[in-house]
């Protein structure tokens, strides 16, 4: 077995500087609920994928509770998918569909983003 030190690895361009792989969050939309693939993700880059398995058009809004910035995934027709990559800070986030009265009818969810 050959052992290489950090200086040797850096010299050949293999320094152990891990690039952050984005967390992934799947959100399934169907009349009239949202289902998250996980309840907690790590802070940083997050890929959010909205899959519309319903019959109506749905979208997705995401805002940190107490925050002002709203992330938007566009209106997505039945059987379609929308993807957004965002950098999320630690905290609790409210997710909802903003189409018509869908939020009032139960299309809401909560996500925790941990440090």
Protein backbone atom coordinates (compact mmCIF):
# COMPACT_ATOMS: atom_id res chain seq x y z
CA UNK A 1 0.00 0.00 0.00
CA UNK A 2 1.30 3.42 -0.92
CA UNK A 3 0.59 6.25 1.50
CA UNK A 4 0.63 9.82 0.28
CA UNK A 5 0.79 12.85 2.55
CA UNK A 6 -1.40 15.92 2.17
CA UNK A 7 1.47 17.87 0.57
CA UNK A 8 1.89 15.16 -2.07
CA UNK A 9 -1.85 15.07 -2.76
CA UNK A 10 -1.97 18.86 -3.10
CA UNK A 11 1.00 18.80 -5.46
CA UNK A 12 -0.80 16.44 -7.84
CA UNK A 13 -4.11 18.34 -7.59
CA UNK A 14 -5.93 15.89 -5.31
CA UNK A 15 -6.18 18.04 -2.22
CA UNK A 16 -8.95 16.94 0.13
CA UNK A 17 -11.16 20.00 -0.32
CA UNK A 18 -14.64 18.54 -0.48
CA UNK A 19 -17.12 20.43 -2.64
CA UNK A 20 -20.48 20.67 -0.95
CA UNK A 21 -22.92 18.36 -2.63
CA UNK A 22 -26.35 20.00 -2.53
CA UNK A 23 -29.03 18.44 -0.37
CA UNK A 24 -32.07 17.25 -2.30
CA UNK A 25 -35.70 17.75 -1.37
CA UNK A 26 -38.53 16.17 -3.30
CA UNK A 27 -41.97 17.75 -2.97
CA UNK A 28 -44.99 15.89 -4.29
CA UNK A 29 -48.07 18.02 -5.03
CA UNK A 30 -51.51 16.46 -5.29
CA UNK A 31 -54.98 17.77 -4.50
CA UNK A 32 -54.81 19.12 -1.81
CA UNK A 33 -51.60 18.31 0.01
CA UNK A 34 -47.82 18.53 -0.22
CA UNK A 35 -45.63 15.58 0.69
CA UNK A 36 -41.94 16.16 1.45
CA UNK A 37 -39.34 13.46 0.79
CA UNK A 38 -37.67 14.49 4.05
CA UNK A 39 -38.52 16.80 6.93
CA UNK A 40 -34.96 18.08 7.57
CA UNK A 41 -32.11 19.14 5.27
CA UNK A 42 -28.69 20.62 5.95
CA UNK A 43 -28.19 24.37 5.45
CA UNK A 44 -26.47 25.41 2.24
CA UNK A 45 -27.25 24.46 -1.33
CA UNK A 46 -30.53 22.58 -1.70
CA UNK A 47 -32.08 21.25 -4.89
CA UNK A 48 -35.88 21.36 -4.57
CA UNK A 49 -37.86 19.26 -7.02
CA UNK A 50 -41.61 19.75 -7.32
CA UNK A 51 -43.45 16.82 -8.90
CA UNK A 52 -47.10 17.44 -9.72
CA UNK A 53 -48.96 14.13 -9.42
CA UNK A 54 -52.31 15.89 -9.20
CA UNK A 55 -54.83 16.83 -11.87
CA UNK A 56 -54.67 20.59 -11.28
CA UNK A 57 -51.83 23.04 -11.86
CA UNK A 58 -49.70 23.57 -8.73
CA UNK A 59 -46.73 25.74 -7.83
CA UNK A 60 -44.52 25.97 -4.75
CA UNK A 61 -43.51 28.84 -2.53
CA UNK A 62 -40.90 28.53 0.21
CA UNK A 63 -40.07 31.11 2.93
CA UNK A 64 -38.09 30.91 6.15
CA UNK A 65 -40.39 31.63 9.09
CA UNK A 66 -39.55 35.19 10.17
CA UNK A 67 -37.81 35.84 6.84
CA UNK A 68 -38.81 38.00 3.91
CA UNK A 69 -37.35 36.18 0.90
CA UNK A 70 -39.73 33.85 -0.93
CA UNK A 71 -38.35 31.16 -3.24
CA UNK A 72 -40.63 30.30 -6.15
CA UNK A 73 -41.09 27.20 -8.25
CA UNK A 74 -43.39 28.08 -11.16
CA UNK A 75 -46.86 26.80 -11.98
CA UNK A 76 -46.44 23.16 -12.96
CA UNK A 77 -49.05 21.27 -14.93
CA UNK A 78 -50.25 17.77 -14.05
CA UNK A 79 -47.54 15.18 -14.60
CA UNK A 80 -44.78 17.81 -14.83
CA UNK A 81 -41.77 18.74 -12.72
CA UNK A 82 -40.08 22.01 -11.71
CA UNK A 83 -36.62 22.27 -10.15
CA UNK A 84 -34.98 25.07 -8.16
CA UNK A 85 -31.54 25.23 -6.56
CA UNK A 86 -31.32 27.64 -3.64
CA UNK A 87 -28.97 28.37 -0.76
CA UNK A 88 -31.02 27.99 2.43
CA UNK A 89 -30.07 29.29 5.86
CA UNK A 90 -30.79 27.35 9.04
CA UNK A 91 -34.34 27.70 10.35
CA UNK A 92 -37.88 26.50 9.76
CA UNK A 93 -39.42 27.06 6.35
CA UNK A 94 -43.06 27.18 5.35
CA UNK A 95 -43.92 25.67 1.95
CA UNK A 96 -47.23 26.22 0.17
CA UNK A 97 -49.02 26.20 -3.17
CA UNK A 98 -50.11 29.73 -4.10
CA UNK A 99 -52.58 28.74 -6.83
CA UNK A 100 -56.18 29.86 -6.12
CA UNK A 101 -57.32 28.56 -2.68
CA UNK A 102 -54.92 25.58 -2.57
CA UNK A 103 -53.07 26.86 0.51
CA UNK A 104 -56.32 27.26 2.45
CA UNK A 105 -57.35 23.76 1.37
CA UNK A 106 -54.26 22.19 2.96
CA UNK A 107 -51.37 22.50 0.51
CA UNK A 108 -48.85 23.52 3.16
CA UNK A 109 -45.82 21.88 4.73
CA UNK A 110 -42.93 22.74 7.05
CA UNK A 111 -39.24 22.04 6.45
CA UNK A 112 -36.45 22.31 9.00
CA UNK A 113 -33.04 23.40 7.75
CA UNK A 114 -30.29 22.55 10.24
CA UNK A 115 -26.78 23.95 10.57
